Amino acid sequence: MTKIAYGTSHVPLSPAVRAGDYVYISGQVPTLSDGSVVPGGIEAQTRQVLENIKAALALAGCGLEHVVKTFVILEDARDFGAFNKVYATYFQKDPPARTTLEARLMIDIKIEIEAVAYAPLG
C-alpha cells in the first residue's frame, strides 16, 4: 500500500493523506486561508470547517460524497442542534457515520471535524 500526503500546513500534519482507497482528512478548524478564525457562532464556524474539509478532499481528488465517517468535536454540547442543522445541509443523502463529543479545543474555536473518505483508485 502506498501512502500519499496532500497539501501543507503550518503545523506538522498533512491536511489529507491517501492510504490505498481511503483518504484521511486531518481535523479541520474554522479558519480562513490567512489562518484567522472565521467570525460568528457555531453555524458560521461549522460551514467554514465543512468548506475546509471539501478543500482537503479535493486535494486527494474526491469530495464530500466519498466521506464515510466523521469525528466531530464541539466546544459546547449546547451547540449540537445548531451544528446539526448546518451539517445536515452538507450531507443531505446517505450521511456518513459520525461520532460527536464535547471537549475543550486547542484554540478559541467552537468546532473541529476530521473525516475519512472511501475513494477507490482507478
PDB file of N, CA and C in Angstrom:
ATOM      1  N   MET A   1       0.840  -1.176   0.000  1.00  0.00           N
ATOM      2  CA  MET A   1       0.000   0.000   0.000  1.00  0.00           C
ATOM      3  C   MET A   1       0.883   1.236   0.000  1.00  0.00           C
ATOM      4  N   THR A   2       0.505   2.205  -0.812  1.00  0.00           N
ATOM      5  CA  THR A   2       1.224   3.455  -0.899  1.00  0.00           C
ATOM      6  C   THR A   2       0.482   4.523  -0.110  1.00  0.00           C
ATOM      7  N   LYS A   3       1.244   5.321   0.622  1.00  0.00           N
ATOM      8  CA  LYS A   3       0.680   6.440   1.360  1.00  0.00           C
ATOM      9  C   LYS A   3       1.093   7.719   0.653  1.00  0.00           C
ATOM     10  N   ILE A   4       0.116   8.595   0.369  1.00  0.00           N
ATOM     11  CA  ILE A   4       0.401   9.862  -0.304  1.00  0.00           C
ATOM     12  C   ILE A   4      -0.177  10.981   0.545  1.00  0.00           C
ATOM     13  N   ALA A   5       0.662  11.951   0.900  1.00  0.00           N
ATOM     14  CA  ALA A   5       0.208  13.121   1.654  1.00  0.00           C
ATOM     15  C   ALA A   5      -0.075  14.252   0.685  1.00  0.00           C
ATOM     16  N   TYR A   6      -1.154  14.993   0.950  1.00  0.00           N
ATOM     17  CA  TYR A   6      -1.558  16.113   0.099  1.00  0.00           C
ATOM     18  C   TYR A   6      -1.596  17.387   0.916  1.00  0.00           C
ATOM     19  N   GLY A   7      -1.114  18.470   0.321  1.00  0.00           N
ATOM     20  CA  GLY A   7      -1.209  19.780   0.953  1.00  0.00           C
ATOM     21  C   GLY A   7      -0.132  19.995   1.996  1.00  0.00           C
ATOM     22  N   THR A   8      -0.087  21.221   2.471  1.00  0.00           N
ATOM     23  CA  THR A   8       0.866  21.593   3.506  1.00  0.00           C
ATOM     24  C   THR A   8       0.127  22.340   4.609  1.00  0.00           C
ATOM     25  N   SER A   9       0.774  22.428   5.747  1.00  0.00           N
ATOM     26  CA  SER A   9       0.185  23.096   6.892  1.00  0.00           C
ATOM     27  C   SER A   9       1.282  23.803   7.660  1.00  0.00           C
ATOM     28  N   HIS A  10       0.901  24.799   8.463  1.00  0.00           N
ATOM     29  CA  HIS A  10       1.884  25.494   9.290  1.00  0.00           C
ATOM     30  C   HIS A  10       2.199  24.702  10.570  1.00  0.00           C
ATOM     31  N   VAL A  11       1.529  23.570  10.762  1.00  0.00           N
ATOM     32  CA  VAL A  11       1.805  22.660  11.875  1.00  0.00           C
ATOM     33  C   VAL A  11       2.193  21.312  11.279  1.00  0.00           C
ATOM     34  N   PRO A  12       2.819  20.422  12.061  1.00  0.00           N
ATOM     35  CA  PRO A  12       3.317  19.163  11.491  1.00  0.00           C
ATOM     36  C   PRO A  12       2.215  18.131  11.233  1.00  0.00           C
ATOM     37  N   LEU A  13       1.459  18.347  10.147  1.00  0.00           N
ATOM     38  CA  LEU A  13       0.444  17.409   9.709  1.00  0.00           C
ATOM     39  C   LEU A  13       0.166  17.639   8.243  1.00  0.00           C
ATOM     40  N   SER A  14      -0.456  16.672   7.620  1.00  0.00           N
ATOM     41  CA  SER A  14      -0.914  16.812   6.239  1.00  0.00           C
ATOM     42  C   SER A  14      -2.424  16.984   6.275  1.00  0.00           C
ATOM     43  N   PRO A  15      -2.978  17.946   5.526  1.00  0.00           N
ATOM     44  CA  PRO A  15      -4.431  18.105   5.506  1.00  0.00           C
ATOM     45  C   PRO A  15      -5.154  16.846   5.035  1.00  0.00           C
ATOM     46  N   ALA A  16      -4.556  16.128   4.087  1.00  0.00           N
ATOM     47  CA  ALA A  16      -5.162  14.903   3.557  1.00  0.00           C
ATOM     48  C   ALA A  16      -4.073  13.878   3.288  1.00  0.00           C
ATOM     49  N   VAL A  17      -4.381  12.631   3.600  1.00  0.00           N
ATOM     50  CA  VAL A  17      -3.456  11.527   3.321  1.00  0.00           C
ATOM     51  C   VAL A  17      -4.264  10.393   2.708  1.00  0.00           C
ATOM     52  N   ARG A  18      -3.802   9.905   1.557  1.00  0.00           N
ATOM     53  CA  ARG A  18      -4.429   8.737   0.925  1.00  0.00           C
ATOM     54  C   ARG A  18      -3.619   7.515   1.309  1.00  0.00           C
ATOM     55  N   ALA A  19      -4.339   6.498   1.774  1.00  0.00           N
ATOM     56  CA  ALA A  19      -3.748   5.197   2.059  1.00  0.00           C
ATOM     57  C   ALA A  19      -4.614   4.183   1.330  1.00  0.00           C
ATOM     58  N   GLY A  20      -4.156   3.758   0.158  1.00  0.00           N
ATOM     59  CA  GLY A  20      -4.964   2.865  -0.666  1.00  0.00           C
ATOM     60  C   GLY A  20      -6.217   3.578  -1.144  1.00  0.00           C
ATOM     61  N   ASP A  21      -7.367   2.987  -0.897  1.00  0.00           N
ATOM     62  CA  ASP A  21      -8.632   3.556  -1.352  1.00  0.00           C
ATOM     63  C   ASP A  21      -9.250   4.530  -0.345  1.00  0.00           C
ATOM     64  N   TYR A  22      -8.577   4.743   0.786  1.00  0.00           N
ATOM     65  CA  TYR A  22      -9.107   5.635   1.817  1.00  0.00           C
ATOM     66  C   TYR A  22      -8.342   6.947   1.852  1.00  0.00           C
ATOM     67  N   VAL A  23      -9.068   8.012   2.133  1.00  0.00           N
ATOM     68  CA  VAL A  23      -8.468   9.332   2.293  1.00  0.00           C
ATOM     69  C   VAL A  23      -8.818   9.811   3.695  1.00  0.00           C
ATOM     70  N   TYR A  24      -7.797  10.166   4.458  1.00  0.00           N
ATOM     71  CA  TYR A  24      -7.957  10.632   5.829  1.00  0.00           C
ATOM     72  C   TYR A  24      -7.741  12.138   5.865  1.00  0.00           C
ATOM     73  N   ILE A  25      -8.724  12.846   6.383  1.00  0.00           N
ATOM     74  CA  ILE A  25      -8.647  14.297   6.480  1.00  0.00           C
ATOM     75  C   ILE A  25      -8.351  14.671   7.926  1.00  0.00           C
ATOM     76  N   SER A  26      -7.259  15.384   8.132  1.00  0.00           N
ATOM     77  CA  SER A  26      -6.922  15.849   9.479  1.00  0.00           C
ATOM     78  C   SER A  26      -8.029  16.749  10.011  1.00  0.00           C
ATOM     79  N   GLY A  27      -8.109  16.848  11.329  1.00  0.00           N
ATOM     80  CA  GLY A  27      -9.109  17.707  11.942  1.00  0.00           C
ATOM     81  C   GLY A  27      -9.056  19.110  11.363  1.00  0.00           C
ATOM     82  N   GLN A  28     -10.179  19.557  10.838  1.00  0.00           N
ATOM     83  CA  GLN A  28     -10.267  20.884  10.237  1.00  0.00           C
ATOM     84  C   GLN A  28     -10.947  21.824  11.226  1.00  0.00           C
ATOM     85  N   VAL A  29     -10.435  23.036  11.291  1.00  0.00           N
ATOM     86  CA  VAL A  29     -10.958  24.048  12.192  1.00  0.00           C
ATOM     87  C   VAL A  29     -11.491  25.221  11.377  1.00  0.00           C
ATOM     88  N   PRO A  30     -12.266  26.107  12.005  1.00  0.00           N
ATOM     89  CA  PRO A  30     -12.918  27.190  11.256  1.00  0.00           C
ATOM     90  C   PRO A  30     -12.006  28.378  10.974  1.00  0.00           C
ATOM     91  N   THR A  31     -10.956  28.116  10.191  1.00  0.00           N
ATOM     92  CA  THR A  31     -10.047  29.198   9.832  1.00  0.00           C
ATOM     93  C   THR A  31     -10.131  29.495   8.346  1.00  0.00           C
ATOM     94  N   LEU A  32      -9.848  30.741   8.048  1.00  0.00           N
ATOM     95  CA  LEU A  32      -9.771  31.184   6.655  1.00  0.00           C
ATOM     96  C   LEU A  32      -8.370  30.899   6.127  1.00  0.00           C
ATOM     97  N   SER A  33      -8.130  31.143   4.854  1.00  0.00           N
ATOM     98  CA  SER A  33      -6.834  30.840   4.247  1.00  0.00           C
ATOM     99  C   SER A  33      -5.690  31.623   4.888  1.00  0.00           C
ATOM    100  N   ASP A  34      -5.985  32.768   5.498  1.00  0.00           N
ATOM    101  CA  ASP A  34      -4.930  33.550   6.162  1.00  0.00           C
ATOM    102  C   ASP A  34      -4.678  33.085   7.602  1.00  0.00           C
ATOM    103  N   GLY A  35      -5.394  32.038   8.040  1.00  0.00           N
ATOM    104  CA  GLY A  35      -5.201  31.498   9.378  1.00  0.00           C
ATOM    105  C   GLY A  35      -6.094  32.108  10.449  1.00  0.00           C
ATOM    106  N   SER A  36      -6.851  33.124  10.091  1.00  0.00           N
ATOM    107  CA  SER A  36      -7.724  33.756  11.080  1.00  0.00           C
ATOM    108  C   SER A  36      -8.988  32.922  11.289  1.00  0.00           C
ATOM    109  N   VAL A  37      -9.490  32.944  12.509  1.00  0.00           N
ATOM    110  CA  VAL A  37     -10.715  32.214  12.843  1.00  0.00           C
ATOM    111  C   VAL A  37     -11.900  32.964  12.260  1.00  0.00           C
ATOM    112  N   VAL A  38     -12.794  32.229  11.606  1.00  0.00           N
ATOM    113  CA  VAL A  38     -13.970  32.834  10.997  1.00  0.00           C
ATOM    114  C   VAL A  38     -14.828  33.448  12.113  1.00  0.00           C
ATOM    115  N   PRO A  39     -15.290  34.668  11.938  1.00  0.00           N
ATOM    116  CA  PRO A  39     -16.141  35.276  12.962  1.00  0.00           C
ATOM    117  C   PRO A  39     -17.537  34.655  12.955  1.00  0.00           C
ATOM    118  N   GLY A  40     -18.209  34.757  14.071  1.00  0.00           N
ATOM    119  CA  GLY A  40     -19.574  34.250  14.146  1.00  0.00           C
ATOM    120  C   GLY A  40     -19.679  33.072  15.086  1.00  0.00           C
ATOM    121  N   GLY A  41     -20.859  32.548  15.198  1.00  0.00           N
ATOM    122  CA  GLY A  41     -21.143  31.455  16.115  1.00  0.00           C
ATOM    123  C   GLY A  41     -20.928  30.097  15.491  1.00  0.00           C
ATOM    124  N   ILE A  42     -21.558  29.111  16.082  1.00  0.00           N
ATOM    125  CA  ILE A  42     -21.382  27.722  15.662  1.00  0.00           C
ATOM    126  C   ILE A  42     -21.804  27.490  14.215  1.00  0.00           C
ATOM    127  N   GLU A  43     -22.849  28.176  13.749  1.00  0.00           N
ATOM    128  CA  GLU A  43     -23.289  27.961  12.365  1.00  0.00           C
ATOM    129  C   GLU A  43     -22.215  28.389  11.372  1.00  0.00           C
ATOM    130  N   ALA A  44     -21.683  29.589  11.538  1.00  0.00           N
ATOM    131  CA  ALA A  44     -20.642  30.091  10.632  1.00  0.00           C
ATOM    132  C   ALA A  44     -19.389  29.229  10.730  1.00  0.00           C
ATOM    133  N   GLN A  45     -19.033  28.829  11.936  1.00  0.00           N
ATOM    134  CA  GLN A  45     -17.830  28.015  12.106  1.00  0.00           C
ATOM    135  C   GLN A  45     -18.018  26.609  11.524  1.00  0.00           C
ATOM    136  N   THR A  46     -19.205  26.042  11.664  1.00  0.00           N
ATOM    137  CA  THR A  46     -19.465  24.720  11.075  1.00  0.00           C
ATOM    138  C   THR A  46     -19.360  24.789   9.557  1.00  0.00           C
ATOM    139  N   ARG A  47     -19.951  25.814   8.960  1.00  0.00           N
ATOM    140  CA  ARG A  47     -19.859  25.970   7.499  1.00  0.00           C
ATOM    141  C   ARG A  47     -18.399  26.071   7.050  1.00  0.00           C
ATOM    142  N   GLN A  48     -17.594  26.871   7.759  1.00  0.00           N
ATOM    143  CA  GLN A  48     -16.192  27.034   7.362  1.00  0.00           C
ATOM    144  C   GLN A  48     -15.427  25.726   7.498  1.00  0.00           C
ATOM    145  N   VAL A  49     -15.662  24.993   8.575  1.00  0.00           N
ATOM    146  CA  VAL A  49     -14.985  23.707   8.757  1.00  0.00           C
ATOM    147  C   VAL A  49     -15.341  22.758   7.616  1.00  0.00           C
ATOM    148  N   LEU A  50     -16.610  22.683   7.270  1.00  0.00           N
ATOM    149  CA  LEU A  50     -17.020  21.779   6.186  1.00  0.00           C
ATOM    150  C   LEU A  50     -16.479  22.235   4.834  1.00  0.00           C
ATOM    151  N   GLU A  51     -16.365  23.522   4.620  1.00  0.00           N
ATOM    152  CA  GLU A  51     -15.719  24.018   3.396  1.00  0.00           C
ATOM    153  C   GLU A  51     -14.231  23.650   3.394  1.00  0.00           C
ATOM    154  N   ASN A  52     -13.585  23.719   4.550  1.00  0.00           N
ATOM    155  CA  ASN A  52     -12.181  23.324   4.647  1.00  0.00           C
ATOM    156  C   ASN A  52     -12.017  21.823   4.390  1.00  0.00           C
ATOM    157  N   ILE A  53     -12.973  21.022   4.850  1.00  0.00           N
ATOM    158  CA  ILE A  53     -12.937  19.580   4.568  1.00  0.00           C
ATOM    159  C   ILE A  53     -13.095  19.343   3.072  1.00  0.00           C
ATOM    160  N   LYS A  54     -14.028  20.056   2.440  1.00  0.00           N
ATOM    161  CA  LYS A  54     -14.197  19.918   0.980  1.00  0.00           C
ATOM    162  C   LYS A  54     -12.891  20.236   0.261  1.00  0.00           C
ATOM    163  N   ALA A  55     -12.208  21.283   0.677  1.00  0.00           N
ATOM    164  CA  ALA A  55     -10.944  21.675   0.033  1.00  0.00           C
ATOM    165  C   ALA A  55      -9.865  20.611   0.249  1.00  0.00           C
ATOM    166  N   ALA A  56      -9.786  20.049   1.450  1.00  0.00           N
ATOM    167  CA  ALA A  56      -8.798  18.997   1.719  1.00  0.00           C
ATOM    168  C   ALA A  56      -9.108  17.741   0.910  1.00  0.00           C
ATOM    169  N   LEU A  57     -10.381  17.384   0.811  1.00  0.00           N
ATOM    170  CA  LEU A  57     -10.778  16.235  -0.004  1.00  0.00           C
ATOM    171  C   LEU A  57     -10.406  16.448  -1.471  1.00  0.00           C
ATOM    172  N   ALA A  58     -10.601  17.650  -1.962  1.00  0.00           N
ATOM    173  CA  ALA A  58     -10.291  17.960  -3.361  1.00  0.00           C
ATOM    174  C   ALA A  58      -8.803  17.750  -3.654  1.00  0.00           C
ATOM    175  N   LEU A  59      -7.939  18.003  -2.666  1.00  0.00           N
ATOM    176  CA  LEU A  59      -6.506  17.769  -2.861  1.00  0.00           C
ATOM    177  C   LEU A  59      -6.237  16.309  -3.236  1.00  0.00           C
ATOM    178  N   ALA A  60      -7.055  15.410  -2.717  1.00  0.00           N
ATOM    179  CA  ALA A  60      -6.890  13.973  -2.978  1.00  0.00           C
ATOM    180  C   ALA A  60      -7.816  13.486  -4.083  1.00  0.00           C
ATOM    181  N   GLY A  61      -8.477  14.412  -4.768  1.00  0.00           N
ATOM    182  CA  GLY A  61      -9.320  14.043  -5.903  1.00  0.00           C
ATOM    183  C   GLY A  61     -10.668  13.457  -5.533  1.00  0.00           C
ATOM    184  N   CYS A  62     -11.208  13.821  -4.393  1.00  0.00           N
ATOM    185  CA  CYS A  62     -12.533  13.328  -4.022  1.00  0.00           C
ATOM    186  C   CYS A  62     -13.351  14.445  -3.373  1.00  0.00           C
ATOM    187  N   GLY A  63     -14.571  14.117  -2.961  1.00  0.00           N
ATOM    188  CA  GLY A  63     -15.468  15.130  -2.423  1.00  0.00           C
ATOM    189  C   GLY A  63     -16.256  14.607  -1.243  1.00  0.00           C
ATOM    190  N   LEU A  64     -17.164  15.428  -0.761  1.00  0.00           N
ATOM    191  CA  LEU A  64     -17.980  15.052   0.394  1.00  0.00           C
ATOM    192  C   LEU A  64     -18.780  13.776   0.164  1.00  0.00           C
ATOM    193  N   GLU A  65     -19.148  13.504  -1.083  1.00  0.00           N
ATOM    194  CA  GLU A  65     -19.917  12.291  -1.376  1.00  0.00           C
ATOM    195  C   GLU A  65     -19.128  11.016  -1.072  1.00  0.00           C
ATOM    196  N   HIS A  66     -17.809  11.135  -0.917  1.00  0.00           N
ATOM    197  CA  HIS A  66     -16.967   9.983  -0.613  1.00  0.00           C
ATOM    198  C   HIS A  66     -16.764   9.770   0.893  1.00  0.00           C
ATOM    199  N   VAL A  67     -17.213  10.713   1.706  1.00  0.00           N
ATOM    200  CA  VAL A  67     -16.983  10.633   3.148  1.00  0.00           C
ATOM    201  C   VAL A  67     -17.835   9.520   3.757  1.00  0.00           C
ATOM    202  N   VAL A  68     -17.171   8.620   4.495  1.00  0.00           N
ATOM    203  CA  VAL A  68     -17.870   7.510   5.134  1.00  0.00           C
ATOM    204  C   VAL A  68     -17.920   7.648   6.655  1.00  0.00           C
ATOM    205  N   LYS A  69     -17.077   8.511   7.231  1.00  0.00           N
ATOM    206  CA  LYS A  69     -17.034   8.672   8.685  1.00  0.00           C
ATOM    207  C   LYS A  69     -16.525  10.055   9.029  1.00  0.00           C
ATOM    208  N   THR A  70     -17.162  10.693  10.011  1.00  0.00           N
ATOM    209  CA  THR A  70     -16.652  11.953  10.551  1.00  0.00           C
ATOM    210  C   THR A  70     -16.532  11.824  12.066  1.00  0.00           C
ATOM    211  N   PHE A  71     -15.660  12.619  12.601  1.00  0.00           N
ATOM    212  CA  PHE A  71     -15.450  12.713  14.043  1.00  0.00           C
ATOM    213  C   PHE A  71     -15.527  14.192  14.377  1.00  0.00           C
ATOM    214  N   VAL A  72     -16.535  14.566  15.158  1.00  0.00           N
ATOM    215  CA  VAL A  72     -16.832  15.973  15.441  1.00  0.00           C
ATOM    216  C   VAL A  72     -16.541  16.270  16.899  1.00  0.00           C
ATOM    217  N   ILE A  73     -15.839  17.376  17.137  1.00  0.00           N
ATOM    218  CA  ILE A  73     -15.601  17.849  18.493  1.00  0.00           C
ATOM    219  C   ILE A  73     -16.243  19.222  18.621  1.00  0.00           C
ATOM    220  N   LEU A  74     -17.199  19.327  19.533  1.00  0.00           N
ATOM    221  CA  LEU A  74     -17.845  20.607  19.830  1.00  0.00           C
ATOM    222  C   LEU A  74     -17.288  21.137  21.146  1.00  0.00           C
ATOM    223  N   GLU A  75     -17.033  22.417  21.188  1.00  0.00           N
ATOM    224  CA  GLU A  75     -16.543  23.046  22.413  1.00  0.00           C
ATOM    225  C   GLU A  75     -17.662  23.091  23.460  1.00  0.00           C
ATOM    226  N   ASP A  76     -18.916  23.169  23.010  1.00  0.00           N
ATOM    227  CA  ASP A  76     -20.066  23.258  23.915  1.00  0.00           C
ATOM    228  C   ASP A  76     -21.199  22.389  23.372  1.00  0.00           C
ATOM    229  N   ALA A  77     -21.588  21.376  24.133  1.00  0.00           N
ATOM    230  CA  ALA A  77     -22.644  20.455  23.697  1.00  0.00           C
ATOM    231  C   ALA A  77     -23.966  21.170  23.432  1.00  0.00           C
ATOM    232  N   ARG A  78     -24.169  22.330  24.028  1.00  0.00           N
ATOM    233  CA  ARG A  78     -25.404  23.080  23.780  1.00  0.00           C
ATOM    234  C   ARG A  78     -25.489  23.582  22.338  1.00  0.00           C
ATOM    235  N   ASP A  79     -24.379  23.550  21.606  1.00  0.00           N
ATOM    236  CA  ASP A  79     -24.366  23.959  20.196  1.00  0.00           C
ATOM    237  C   ASP A  79     -24.775  22.816  19.262  1.00  0.00           C
ATOM    238  N   PHE A  80     -25.060  21.635  19.804  1.00  0.00           N
ATOM    239  CA  PHE A  80     -25.310  20.460  18.976  1.00  0.00           C
ATOM    240  C   PHE A  80     -26.443  20.670  17.973  1.00  0.00           C
ATOM    241  N   GLY A  81     -27.561  21.216  18.392  1.00  0.00           N
ATOM    242  CA  GLY A  81     -28.705  21.413  17.499  1.00  0.00           C
ATOM    243  C   GLY A  81     -28.372  22.325  16.330  1.00  0.00           C
ATOM    244  N   ALA A  82     -27.738  23.453  16.615  1.00  0.00           N
ATOM    245  CA  ALA A  82     -27.381  24.406  15.555  1.00  0.00           C
ATOM    246  C   ALA A  82     -26.320  23.813  14.630  1.00  0.00           C
ATOM    247  N   PHE A  83     -25.343  23.116  15.208  1.00  0.00           N
ATOM    248  CA  PHE A  83     -24.334  22.435  14.396  1.00  0.00           C
ATOM    249  C   PHE A  83     -24.999  21.417  13.473  1.00  0.00           C
ATOM    250  N   ASN A  84     -25.878  20.596  14.033  1.00  0.00           N
ATOM    251  CA  ASN A  84     -26.507  19.514  13.280  1.00  0.00           C
ATOM    252  C   ASN A  84     -27.312  20.052  12.099  1.00  0.00           C
ATOM    253  N   LYS A  85     -27.950  21.185  12.292  1.00  0.00           N
ATOM    254  CA  LYS A  85     -28.747  21.807  11.228  1.00  0.00           C
ATOM    255  C   LYS A  85     -27.865  22.164  10.024  1.00  0.00           C
ATOM    256  N   VAL A  86     -26.701  22.762  10.276  1.00  0.00           N
ATOM    257  CA  VAL A  86     -25.771  23.111   9.188  1.00  0.00           C
ATOM    258  C   VAL A  86     -25.153  21.851   8.590  1.00  0.00           C
ATOM    259  N   TYR A  87     -24.713  20.937   9.432  1.00  0.00           N
ATOM    260  CA  TYR A  87     -24.084  19.691   8.986  1.00  0.00           C
ATOM    261  C   TYR A  87     -24.999  18.948   8.018  1.00  0.00           C
ATOM    262  N   ALA A  88     -26.281  18.903   8.338  1.00  0.00           N
ATOM    263  CA  ALA A  88     -27.254  18.191   7.505  1.00  0.00           C
ATOM    264  C   ALA A  88     -27.348  18.774   6.098  1.00  0.00           C
ATOM    265  N   THR A  89     -27.060  20.042   5.921  1.00  0.00           N
ATOM    266  CA  THR A  89     -27.122  20.642   4.578  1.00  0.00           C
ATOM    267  C   THR A  89     -25.953  20.181   3.705  1.00  0.00           C
ATOM    268  N   TYR A  90     -24.872  19.728   4.319  1.00  0.00           N
ATOM    269  CA  TYR A  90     -23.710  19.238   3.567  1.00  0.00           C
ATOM    270  C   TYR A  90     -23.809  17.748   3.261  1.00  0.00           C
ATOM    271  N   PHE A  91     -24.570  17.025   4.062  1.00  0.00           N
ATOM    272  CA  PHE A  91     -24.731  15.579   3.872  1.00  0.00           C
ATOM    273  C   PHE A  91     -26.221  15.264   3.813  1.00  0.00           C
ATOM    274  N   GLN A  92     -26.850  15.657   2.722  1.00  0.00           N
ATOM    275  CA  GLN A  92     -28.298  15.518   2.584  1.00  0.00           C
ATOM    276  C   GLN A  92     -28.729  14.095   2.258  1.00  0.00           C
ATOM    277  N   LYS A  93     -27.873  13.345   1.566  1.00  0.00           N
ATOM    278  CA  LYS A  93     -28.232  11.987   1.151  1.00  0.00           C
ATOM    279  C   LYS A  93     -27.160  11.024   1.675  1.00  0.00           C
ATOM    280  N   ASP A  94     -27.588   9.959   2.280  1.00  0.00           N
ATOM    281  CA  ASP A  94     -26.673   8.943   2.805  1.00  0.00           C
ATOM    282  C   ASP A  94     -25.537   9.556   3.630  1.00  0.00           C
ATOM    283  N   PRO A  95     -25.864  10.226   4.742  1.00  0.00           N
ATOM    284  CA  PRO A  95     -24.812  10.848   5.548  1.00  0.00           C
ATOM    285  C   PRO A  95     -23.842   9.810   6.096  1.00  0.00           C
ATOM    286  N   PRO A  96     -22.605  10.225   6.348  1.00  0.00           N
ATOM    287  CA  PRO A  96     -21.602   9.292   6.862  1.00  0.00           C
ATOM    288  C   PRO A  96     -21.883   8.913   8.316  1.00  0.00           C
ATOM    289  N   ALA A  97     -21.253   7.845   8.749  1.00  0.00           N
ATOM    290  CA  ALA A  97     -21.253   7.517  10.174  1.00  0.00           C
ATOM    291  C   ALA A  97     -20.571   8.686  10.893  1.00  0.00           C
ATOM    292  N   ARG A  98     -20.958   8.910  12.155  1.00  0.00           N
ATOM    293  CA  ARG A  98     -20.418  10.094  12.837  1.00  0.00           C
ATOM    294  C   ARG A  98     -20.323   9.842  14.333  1.00  0.00           C
ATOM    295  N   THR A  99     -19.281  10.379  14.916  1.00  0.00           N
ATOM    296  CA  THR A  99     -19.133  10.456  16.354  1.00  0.00           C
ATOM    297  C   THR A  99     -19.052  11.939  16.702  1.00  0.00           C
ATOM    298  N   THR A 100     -19.779  12.355  17.726  1.00  0.00           N
ATOM    299  CA  THR A 100     -19.741  13.753  18.159  1.00  0.00           C
ATOM    300  C   THR A 100     -19.513  13.775  19.662  1.00  0.00           C
ATOM    301  N   LEU A 101     -18.573  14.607  20.096  1.00  0.00           N
ATOM    302  CA  LEU A 101     -18.331  14.738  21.521  1.00  0.00           C
ATOM    303  C   LEU A 101     -18.035  16.179  21.879  1.00  0.00           C
ATOM    304  N   GLU A 102     -18.098  16.458  23.163  1.00  0.00           N
ATOM    305  CA  GLU A 102     -17.778  17.785  23.678  1.00  0.00           C
ATOM    306  C   GLU A 102     -16.404  17.717  24.327  1.00  0.00           C
ATOM    307  N   ALA A 103     -15.554  18.693  23.995  1.00  0.00           N
ATOM    308  CA  ALA A 103     -14.222  18.757  24.588  1.00  0.00           C
ATOM    309  C   ALA A 103     -13.666  20.164  24.409  1.00  0.00           C
ATOM    310  N   ARG A 104     -12.729  20.490  25.248  1.00  0.00           N
ATOM    311  CA  ARG A 104     -12.027  21.757  25.105  1.00  0.00           C
ATOM    312  C   ARG A 104     -11.104  21.629  23.888  1.00  0.00           C
ATOM    313  N   LEU A 105     -11.052  22.657  23.049  1.00  0.00           N
ATOM    314  CA  LEU A 105     -10.233  22.617  21.835  1.00  0.00           C
ATOM    315  C   LEU A 105      -8.934  23.398  22.045  1.00  0.00           C
ATOM    316  N   MET A 106      -7.987  23.198  21.136  1.00  0.00           N
ATOM    317  CA  MET A 106      -6.648  23.774  21.293  1.00  0.00           C
ATOM    318  C   MET A 106      -6.606  25.296  21.162  1.00  0.00           C
ATOM    319  N   ILE A 107      -7.492  25.843  20.347  1.00  0.00           N
ATOM    320  CA  ILE A 107      -7.564  27.295  20.185  1.00  0.00           C
ATOM    321  C   ILE A 107      -8.994  27.725  20.479  1.00  0.00           C
ATOM    322  N   ASP A 108      -9.243  29.016  20.516  1.00  0.00           N
ATOM    323  CA  ASP A 108     -10.565  29.538  20.876  1.00  0.00           C
ATOM    324  C   ASP A 108     -11.516  29.410  19.685  1.00  0.00           C
ATOM    325  N   ILE A 109     -12.010  28.185  19.490  1.00  0.00           N
ATOM    326  CA  ILE A 109     -12.958  27.890  18.415  1.00  0.00           C
ATOM    327  C   ILE A 109     -14.081  27.043  18.992  1.00  0.00           C
ATOM    328  N   LYS A 110     -15.150  26.870  18.216  1.00  0.00           N
ATOM    329  CA  LYS A 110     -16.311  26.132  18.685  1.00  0.00           C
ATOM    330  C   LYS A 110     -16.390  24.703  18.155  1.00  0.00           C
ATOM    331  N   ILE A 111     -15.599  24.371  17.119  1.00  0.00           N
ATOM    332  CA  ILE A 111     -15.763  23.074  16.455  1.00  0.00           C
ATOM    333  C   ILE A 111     -14.493  22.651  15.724  1.00  0.00           C
ATOM    334  N   GLU A 112     -14.295  21.332  15.657  1.00  0.00           N
ATOM    335  CA  GLU A 112     -13.266  20.723  14.818  1.00  0.00           C
ATOM    336  C   GLU A 112     -13.862  19.427  14.279  1.00  0.00           C
ATOM    337  N   ILE A 113     -13.596  19.134  13.011  1.00  0.00           N
ATOM    338  CA  ILE A 113     -14.102  17.899  12.405  1.00  0.00           C
ATOM    339  C   ILE A 113     -12.984  17.229  11.605  1.00  0.00           C
ATOM    340  N   GLU A 114     -12.846  15.914  11.792  1.00  0.00           N
ATOM    341  CA  GLU A 114     -11.983  15.127  10.911  1.00  0.00           C
ATOM    342  C   GLU A 114     -12.873  14.195  10.115  1.00  0.00           C
ATOM    343  N   ALA A 115     -12.350  13.689   9.003  1.00  0.00           N
ATOM    344  CA  ALA A 115     -13.167  12.854   8.118  1.00  0.00           C
ATOM    345  C   ALA A 115     -12.344  11.744   7.500  1.00  0.00           C
ATOM    346  N   VAL A 116     -13.050  10.670   7.131  1.00  0.00           N
ATOM    347  CA  VAL A 116     -12.457   9.571   6.368  1.00  0.00           C
ATOM    348  C   VAL A 116     -13.335   9.375   5.138  1.00  0.00           C
ATOM    349  N   ALA A 117     -12.681   9.318   3.975  1.00  0.00           N
ATOM    350  CA  ALA A 117     -13.401   9.110   2.709  1.00  0.00           C
ATOM    351  C   ALA A 117     -12.942   7.806   2.081  1.00  0.00           C
ATOM    352  N   TYR A 118     -13.860   7.165   1.377  1.00  0.00           N
ATOM    353  CA  TYR A 118     -13.552   5.971   0.606  1.00  0.00           C
ATOM    354  C   TYR A 118     -13.661   6.359  -0.858  1.00  0.00           C
ATOM    355  N   ALA A 119     -12.529   6.364  -1.543  1.00  0.00           N
ATOM    356  CA  ALA A 119     -12.479   6.780  -2.945  1.00  0.00           C
ATOM    357  C   ALA A 119     -11.516   5.858  -3.688  1.00  0.00           C
ATOM    358  N   PRO A 120     -12.008   4.728  -4.210  1.00  0.00           N
ATOM    359  CA  PRO A 120     -11.130   3.764  -4.866  1.00  0.00           C
ATOM    360  C   PRO A 120     -10.286   4.384  -5.975  1.00  0.00           C
ATOM    361  N   LEU A 121      -9.038   3.978  -6.023  1.00  0.00           N
ATOM    362  CA  LEU A 121      -8.134   4.430  -7.073  1.00  0.00           C
ATOM    363  C   LEU A 121      -8.499   3.743  -8.374  1.00  0.00           C
ATOM    364  N   GLY A 122      -8.343   4.505  -9.454  1.00  0.00           N
ATOM    365  CA  GLY A 122      -8.538   3.936 -10.792  1.00  0.00           C
ATOM    366  C   GLY A 122      -9.914   3.552 -11.038  1.00  0.00           C
TER     367      GLY A 122
END
